[in-house]
Amino acid sequence: MDFDAIRQRYRDFVDWNKDNIEERITRTAGEYAYYQTLYIQVSKKKNELEQKLDEMWHGKWKYYKYEFDVALDKSEIKGFIDKDIDMIKLRGQISNHESYENFFKECMKNIDQLRWDMKHYIQYKQFMAGIS
């Protein structure tokens, strides 16, 4: 996923004016569906990573509790797990996916709002032309 390209696509789409409003109206549902699909994909991947993190956490807990050479108390075990490089990397990936998820959610929200903005623009133009 090329996030910069996706973000540019979003910027280009929401930049509408009187010259491209008809084209934007016809593409609105498709754009919404595009970002909805991305949102679902990212959410699924984030959930998979969270499950993997949970499984990794339990595996490391068991290792430090029962198989480690030195007896550790709960806070020491938690400290070892929190500083584990694999855990840190996985939490970073989850954080990235949360950011993408939030971005796509905002895209969908703004595209939905864009429909109303365009509708109000058309009503304004009709009013100004005396068509109301």
N, C-alpha and C. Protein backbone atom coordinates (compact mmCIF):
# COMPACT_ATOMS: atom_id res chain seq x y z
N MET A 1 0.85 -1.17 0.00
CA MET A 1 0.00 0.00 0.00
C MET A 1 0.90 1.24 0.00
N ASP A 2 0.74 2.06 -1.02
CA ASP A 2 1.49 3.30 -1.11
C ASP A 2 0.62 4.41 -0.50
N PHE A 3 0.87 4.67 0.78
CA PHE A 3 0.03 5.60 1.52
C PHE A 3 0.07 7.01 0.92
N ASP A 4 1.22 7.44 0.44
CA ASP A 4 1.32 8.78 -0.15
C ASP A 4 0.43 8.91 -1.38
N ALA A 5 0.40 7.87 -2.18
CA ALA A 5 -0.46 7.89 -3.38
C ALA A 5 -1.94 7.90 -2.99
N ILE A 6 -2.27 7.15 -1.97
CA ILE A 6 -3.66 7.11 -1.49
C ILE A 6 -4.06 8.47 -0.95
N ARG A 7 -3.18 9.07 -0.17
CA ARG A 7 -3.46 10.39 0.40
C ARG A 7 -3.60 11.44 -0.71
N GLN A 8 -2.77 11.34 -1.74
CA GLN A 8 -2.88 12.29 -2.86
C GLN A 8 -4.18 12.08 -3.62
N ARG A 9 -4.58 10.84 -3.80
CA ARG A 9 -5.86 10.54 -4.46
C ARG A 9 -7.00 11.19 -3.69
N TYR A 10 -6.95 11.08 -2.37
CA TYR A 10 -7.97 11.69 -1.52
C TYR A 10 -7.97 13.21 -1.69
N ARG A 11 -6.80 13.81 -1.62
CA ARG A 11 -6.70 15.27 -1.78
C ARG A 11 -7.27 15.72 -3.12
N ASP A 12 -6.92 15.00 -4.17
CA ASP A 12 -7.40 15.36 -5.50
C ASP A 12 -8.91 15.24 -5.59
N PHE A 13 -9.47 14.22 -4.97
CA PHE A 13 -10.90 14.01 -5.06
C PHE A 13 -11.69 15.07 -4.31
N VAL A 14 -11.28 15.41 -3.12
CA VAL A 14 -12.06 16.37 -2.33
C VAL A 14 -11.88 17.81 -2.81
N ASP A 15 -10.97 18.04 -3.73
CA ASP A 15 -10.77 19.37 -4.29
C ASP A 15 -11.74 19.54 -5.46
N TRP A 16 -12.95 19.96 -5.16
CA TRP A 16 -13.95 20.11 -6.20
C TRP A 16 -14.28 21.58 -6.40
N ASN A 17 -14.81 21.86 -7.56
CA ASN A 17 -15.24 23.22 -7.89
C ASN A 17 -16.38 23.14 -8.91
N LYS A 18 -16.84 24.29 -9.37
CA LYS A 18 -17.99 24.30 -10.29
C LYS A 18 -17.70 23.60 -11.61
N ASP A 19 -16.42 23.51 -11.96
CA ASP A 19 -16.06 22.88 -13.23
C ASP A 19 -16.02 21.36 -13.17
N ASN A 20 -15.78 20.79 -11.98
CA ASN A 20 -15.67 19.33 -11.90
C ASN A 20 -16.73 18.69 -11.00
N ILE A 21 -17.76 19.45 -10.64
CA ILE A 21 -18.75 18.93 -9.71
C ILE A 21 -19.51 17.73 -10.27
N GLU A 22 -19.84 17.74 -11.55
CA GLU A 22 -20.57 16.61 -12.12
C GLU A 22 -19.73 15.32 -12.06
N GLU A 23 -18.48 15.45 -12.39
CA GLU A 23 -17.58 14.29 -12.34
C GLU A 23 -17.43 13.80 -10.90
N ARG A 24 -17.35 14.70 -9.95
CA ARG A 24 -17.21 14.33 -8.54
C ARG A 24 -18.48 13.63 -8.03
N ILE A 25 -19.61 14.12 -8.46
CA ILE A 25 -20.88 13.50 -8.03
C ILE A 25 -20.94 12.05 -8.50
N THR A 26 -20.53 11.81 -9.74
CA THR A 26 -20.60 10.45 -10.27
C THR A 26 -19.56 9.53 -9.63
N ARG A 27 -18.48 10.10 -9.10
CA ARG A 27 -17.42 9.28 -8.50
C ARG A 27 -17.54 9.13 -6.97
N THR A 28 -18.44 9.86 -6.34
CA THR A 28 -18.49 9.90 -4.89
C THR A 28 -18.71 8.52 -4.27
N ALA A 29 -19.67 7.78 -4.76
CA ALA A 29 -19.95 6.46 -4.19
C ALA A 29 -18.76 5.52 -4.37
N GLY A 30 -18.13 5.59 -5.51
CA GLY A 30 -16.97 4.74 -5.77
C GLY A 30 -15.79 5.09 -4.87
N GLU A 31 -15.57 6.37 -4.67
CA GLU A 31 -14.48 6.80 -3.78
C GLU A 31 -14.76 6.38 -2.35
N TYR A 32 -16.00 6.53 -1.92
CA TYR A 32 -16.36 6.10 -0.57
C TYR A 32 -16.10 4.61 -0.41
N ALA A 33 -16.51 3.83 -1.39
CA ALA A 33 -16.30 2.38 -1.34
C ALA A 33 -14.81 2.03 -1.35
N TYR A 34 -14.01 2.78 -2.08
CA TYR A 34 -12.57 2.56 -2.13
C TYR A 34 -11.95 2.72 -0.74
N TYR A 35 -12.28 3.82 -0.07
CA TYR A 35 -11.72 4.05 1.27
C TYR A 35 -12.32 3.12 2.31
N GLN A 36 -13.55 2.72 2.09
CA GLN A 36 -14.17 1.74 2.99
C GLN A 36 -13.44 0.40 2.88
N THR A 37 -13.10 0.00 1.68
CA THR A 37 -12.35 -1.25 1.46
C THR A 37 -10.99 -1.17 2.13
N LEU A 38 -10.30 -0.05 1.96
CA LEU A 38 -9.00 0.13 2.61
C LEU A 38 -9.14 0.09 4.12
N TYR A 39 -10.17 0.72 4.63
CA TYR A 39 -10.42 0.73 6.08
C TYR A 39 -10.62 -0.69 6.60
N ILE A 40 -11.40 -1.47 5.91
CA ILE A 40 -11.67 -2.85 6.33
C ILE A 40 -10.39 -3.69 6.28
N GLN A 41 -9.61 -3.53 5.21
CA GLN A 41 -8.34 -4.27 5.10
C GLN A 41 -7.39 -3.92 6.23
N VAL A 42 -7.26 -2.64 6.52
CA VAL A 42 -6.35 -2.21 7.58
C VAL A 42 -6.85 -2.66 8.95
N SER A 43 -8.16 -2.61 9.15
CA SER A 43 -8.73 -3.06 10.42
C SER A 43 -8.48 -4.55 10.64
N LYS A 44 -8.66 -5.34 9.60
CA LYS A 44 -8.40 -6.78 9.70
C LYS A 44 -6.94 -7.04 10.02
N LYS A 45 -6.05 -6.35 9.33
CA LYS A 45 -4.62 -6.54 9.56
C LYS A 45 -4.25 -6.12 10.98
N LYS A 46 -4.81 -5.01 11.46
CA LYS A 46 -4.55 -4.55 12.82
C LYS A 46 -5.03 -5.59 13.83
N ASN A 47 -6.20 -6.15 13.60
CA ASN A 47 -6.72 -7.18 14.50
C ASN A 47 -5.83 -8.42 14.51
N GLU A 48 -5.33 -8.81 13.35
CA GLU A 48 -4.41 -9.94 13.26
C GLU A 48 -3.13 -9.66 14.04
N LEU A 49 -2.61 -8.44 13.90
CA LEU A 49 -1.39 -8.07 14.62
C LEU A 49 -1.63 -8.02 16.13
N GLU A 50 -2.79 -7.55 16.54
CA GLU A 50 -3.12 -7.52 17.97
C GLU A 50 -3.22 -8.93 18.54
N GLN A 51 -3.79 -9.84 17.75
CA GLN A 51 -3.87 -11.23 18.18
C GLN A 51 -2.47 -11.83 18.27
N LYS A 52 -1.64 -11.55 17.29
CA LYS A 52 -0.26 -12.03 17.31
C LYS A 52 0.50 -11.47 18.51
N LEU A 53 0.28 -10.19 18.82
CA LEU A 53 0.92 -9.57 19.99
C LEU A 53 0.48 -10.26 21.27
N ASP A 54 -0.79 -10.54 21.37
CA ASP A 54 -1.32 -11.21 22.56
C ASP A 54 -0.71 -12.61 22.71
N GLU A 55 -0.65 -13.34 21.60
CA GLU A 55 -0.06 -14.68 21.64
C GLU A 55 1.43 -14.62 21.99
N MET A 56 2.13 -13.65 21.42
CA MET A 56 3.55 -13.49 21.71
C MET A 56 3.76 -13.14 23.18
N TRP A 57 2.90 -12.25 23.69
CA TRP A 57 3.00 -11.83 25.08
C TRP A 57 2.85 -13.03 26.01
N HIS A 58 1.84 -13.85 25.76
CA HIS A 58 1.61 -15.04 26.60
C HIS A 58 2.77 -16.03 26.49
N GLY A 59 3.30 -16.20 25.29
CA GLY A 59 4.44 -17.10 25.11
C GLY A 59 5.66 -16.61 25.88
N LYS A 60 5.91 -15.34 25.82
CA LYS A 60 7.06 -14.78 26.54
C LYS A 60 6.83 -14.83 28.05
N TRP A 61 5.60 -14.60 28.47
CA TRP A 61 5.28 -14.69 29.90
C TRP A 61 5.59 -16.10 30.42
N LYS A 62 5.14 -17.10 29.68
CA LYS A 62 5.40 -18.49 30.09
C LYS A 62 6.90 -18.78 30.13
N TYR A 63 7.62 -18.29 29.14
CA TYR A 63 9.06 -18.51 29.11
C TYR A 63 9.72 -17.90 30.34
N TYR A 64 9.46 -16.64 30.60
CA TYR A 64 10.12 -15.98 31.73
C TYR A 64 9.62 -16.52 33.08
N LYS A 65 8.42 -17.00 33.12
CA LYS A 65 7.87 -17.51 34.38
C LYS A 65 8.39 -18.91 34.69
N TYR A 66 8.46 -19.78 33.68
CA TYR A 66 8.74 -21.18 33.94
C TYR A 66 10.08 -21.70 33.38
N GLU A 67 10.60 -21.09 32.33
CA GLU A 67 11.77 -21.65 31.67
C GLU A 67 13.03 -20.79 31.83
N PHE A 68 12.91 -19.58 32.29
CA PHE A 68 14.05 -18.68 32.44
C PHE A 68 14.94 -19.18 33.58
N ASP A 69 16.24 -18.95 33.48
CA ASP A 69 17.20 -19.45 34.47
C ASP A 69 17.03 -18.85 35.85
N VAL A 70 16.53 -17.65 35.92
CA VAL A 70 16.39 -16.94 37.20
C VAL A 70 14.90 -16.76 37.48
N ALA A 71 14.52 -16.95 38.74
CA ALA A 71 13.13 -16.73 39.13
C ALA A 71 12.85 -15.23 39.13
N LEU A 72 11.80 -14.85 38.43
CA LEU A 72 11.43 -13.43 38.32
C LEU A 72 10.03 -13.21 38.89
N ASP A 73 9.81 -12.03 39.47
CA ASP A 73 8.46 -11.72 39.90
C ASP A 73 7.69 -11.09 38.73
N LYS A 74 6.41 -10.82 38.94
CA LYS A 74 5.54 -10.35 37.85
C LYS A 74 6.03 -9.05 37.23
N SER A 75 6.48 -8.11 38.05
CA SER A 75 6.92 -6.82 37.50
C SER A 75 8.21 -6.98 36.69
N GLU A 76 9.09 -7.87 37.10
CA GLU A 76 10.32 -8.11 36.33
C GLU A 76 10.00 -8.76 34.98
N ILE A 77 9.08 -9.72 35.03
CA ILE A 77 8.66 -10.38 33.78
C ILE A 77 8.05 -9.36 32.83
N LYS A 78 7.17 -8.52 33.38
CA LYS A 78 6.53 -7.48 32.56
C LYS A 78 7.59 -6.54 31.98
N GLY A 79 8.60 -6.19 32.77
CA GLY A 79 9.68 -5.33 32.29
C GLY A 79 10.45 -5.95 31.14
N PHE A 80 10.76 -7.25 31.26
CA PHE A 80 11.46 -7.95 30.18
C PHE A 80 10.61 -7.98 28.90
N ILE A 81 9.32 -8.26 29.08
CA ILE A 81 8.43 -8.36 27.92
C ILE A 81 8.26 -6.98 27.27
N ASP A 82 8.09 -5.94 28.07
CA ASP A 82 7.91 -4.59 27.53
C ASP A 82 9.12 -4.11 26.74
N LYS A 83 10.30 -4.59 27.10
CA LYS A 83 11.54 -4.16 26.43
C LYS A 83 11.95 -5.09 25.30
N ASP A 84 11.20 -6.15 25.09
CA ASP A 84 11.52 -7.11 24.04
C ASP A 84 11.38 -6.45 22.67
N ILE A 85 12.41 -6.57 21.85
CA ILE A 85 12.45 -5.90 20.55
C ILE A 85 11.33 -6.36 19.63
N ASP A 86 10.98 -7.64 19.65
CA ASP A 86 9.90 -8.14 18.80
C ASP A 86 8.56 -7.54 19.22
N MET A 87 8.37 -7.40 20.52
CA MET A 87 7.13 -6.80 21.03
C MET A 87 7.06 -5.32 20.65
N ILE A 88 8.17 -4.64 20.74
CA ILE A 88 8.21 -3.22 20.39
C ILE A 88 7.89 -3.03 18.91
N LYS A 89 8.47 -3.85 18.06
CA LYS A 89 8.21 -3.76 16.62
C LYS A 89 6.74 -4.03 16.30
N LEU A 90 6.19 -5.03 16.94
CA LEU A 90 4.79 -5.38 16.70
C LEU A 90 3.85 -4.27 17.17
N ARG A 91 4.14 -3.69 18.33
CA ARG A 91 3.32 -2.57 18.81
C ARG A 91 3.42 -1.38 17.85
N GLY A 92 4.60 -1.17 17.27
CA GLY A 92 4.77 -0.11 16.28
C GLY A 92 3.93 -0.35 15.04
N GLN A 93 3.88 -1.59 14.58
CA GLN A 93 3.06 -1.94 13.41
C GLN A 93 1.58 -1.71 13.72
N ILE A 94 1.18 -2.09 14.91
CA ILE A 94 -0.23 -1.89 15.31
C ILE A 94 -0.55 -0.40 15.34
N SER A 95 0.36 0.39 15.87
CA SER A 95 0.17 1.84 15.92
C SER A 95 0.04 2.43 14.52
N ASN A 96 0.87 1.96 13.59
CA ASN A 96 0.78 2.43 12.20
C ASN A 96 -0.57 2.09 11.60
N HIS A 97 -1.03 0.87 11.84
CA HIS A 97 -2.32 0.46 11.30
C HIS A 97 -3.46 1.25 11.93
N GLU A 98 -3.34 1.61 13.19
CA GLU A 98 -4.35 2.46 13.82
C GLU A 98 -4.39 3.83 13.15
N SER A 99 -3.23 4.35 12.81
CA SER A 99 -3.17 5.65 12.13
C SER A 99 -3.83 5.57 10.76
N TYR A 100 -3.53 4.51 10.01
CA TYR A 100 -4.17 4.33 8.70
C TYR A 100 -5.67 4.17 8.86
N GLU A 101 -6.07 3.39 9.84
CA GLU A 101 -7.49 3.15 10.10
C GLU A 101 -8.20 4.48 10.38
N ASN A 102 -7.61 5.31 11.23
CA ASN A 102 -8.20 6.61 11.54
C ASN A 102 -8.27 7.51 10.30
N PHE A 103 -7.21 7.48 9.49
CA PHE A 103 -7.21 8.29 8.27
C PHE A 103 -8.34 7.86 7.33
N PHE A 104 -8.48 6.55 7.11
CA PHE A 104 -9.52 6.08 6.19
C PHE A 104 -10.92 6.36 6.74
N LYS A 105 -11.07 6.28 8.04
CA LYS A 105 -12.36 6.61 8.66
C LYS A 105 -12.69 8.09 8.41
N GLU A 106 -11.70 8.96 8.56
CA GLU A 106 -11.90 10.38 8.29
C GLU A 106 -12.18 10.64 6.82
N CYS A 107 -11.52 9.90 5.93
CA CYS A 107 -11.79 10.03 4.49
C CYS A 107 -13.25 9.72 4.20
N MET A 108 -13.74 8.62 4.75
CA MET A 108 -15.14 8.25 4.52
C MET A 108 -16.08 9.31 5.07
N LYS A 109 -15.77 9.81 6.25
CA LYS A 109 -16.60 10.84 6.87
C LYS A 109 -16.61 12.10 6.00
N ASN A 110 -15.45 12.51 5.51
CA ASN A 110 -15.36 13.72 4.71
C ASN A 110 -16.00 13.55 3.33
N ILE A 111 -15.90 12.37 2.75
CA ILE A 111 -16.55 12.13 1.46
C ILE A 111 -18.06 12.15 1.63
N ASP A 112 -18.53 11.60 2.74
CA ASP A 112 -19.96 11.66 3.03
C ASP A 112 -20.40 13.12 3.16
N GLN A 113 -19.62 13.91 3.85
CA GLN A 113 -19.93 15.34 4.00
C GLN A 113 -19.85 16.06 2.65
N LEU A 114 -18.93 15.62 1.81
CA LEU A 114 -18.76 16.23 0.49
C LEU A 114 -20.04 16.10 -0.33
N ARG A 115 -20.73 14.99 -0.19
CA ARG A 115 -22.00 14.82 -0.90
C ARG A 115 -22.98 15.91 -0.52
N TRP A 116 -23.04 16.21 0.76
CA TRP A 116 -23.96 17.25 1.22
C TRP A 116 -23.50 18.63 0.74
N ASP A 117 -22.21 18.86 0.77
CA ASP A 117 -21.69 20.14 0.30
C ASP A 117 -22.05 20.36 -1.17
N MET A 118 -21.88 19.32 -1.98
CA MET A 118 -22.20 19.44 -3.40
C MET A 118 -23.70 19.63 -3.60
N LYS A 119 -24.51 18.92 -2.82
CA LYS A 119 -25.96 19.07 -2.91
C LYS A 119 -26.36 20.51 -2.59
N HIS A 120 -25.78 21.06 -1.52
CA HIS A 120 -26.10 22.44 -1.15
C HIS A 120 -25.63 23.43 -2.22
N TYR A 121 -24.51 23.14 -2.83
CA TYR A 121 -24.01 24.00 -3.90
C TYR A 121 -24.99 24.00 -5.08
N ILE A 122 -25.47 22.83 -5.44
CA ILE A 122 -26.42 22.72 -6.55
C ILE A 122 -27.71 23.46 -6.20
N GLN A 123 -28.18 23.30 -4.98
CA GLN A 123 -29.40 24.02 -4.56
C GLN A 123 -29.18 25.54 -4.59
N TYR A 124 -28.02 25.97 -4.19
CA TYR A 124 -27.70 27.40 -4.24
C TYR A 124 -27.71 27.91 -5.68
N LYS A 125 -27.08 27.15 -6.58
CA LYS A 125 -27.04 27.55 -7.97
C LYS A 125 -28.45 27.59 -8.56
N GLN A 126 -29.30 26.64 -8.18
CA GLN A 126 -30.69 26.64 -8.66
C GLN A 126 -31.44 27.85 -8.12
N PHE A 127 -31.22 28.15 -6.87
CA PHE A 127 -31.86 29.31 -6.25
C PHE A 127 -31.44 30.60 -6.97
N MET A 128 -30.15 30.71 -7.22
CA MET A 128 -29.63 31.91 -7.88
C MET A 128 -30.15 32.02 -9.32
N ALA A 129 -30.42 30.89 -9.93
CA ALA A 129 -30.93 30.91 -11.31
C ALA A 129 -32.44 31.04 -11.35
N GLY A 130 -33.09 31.00 -10.17
CA GLY A 130 -34.53 31.14 -10.10
C GLY A 130 -35.28 29.87 -10.40
N ILE A 131 -34.60 28.71 -10.30
CA ILE A 131 -35.23 27.43 -10.64
C ILE A 131 -35.95 26.84 -9.43
N SER A 132 -35.51 27.11 -8.25
CA SER A 132 -36.06 26.58 -7.02
C SER A 132 -37.44 26.13 -7.23
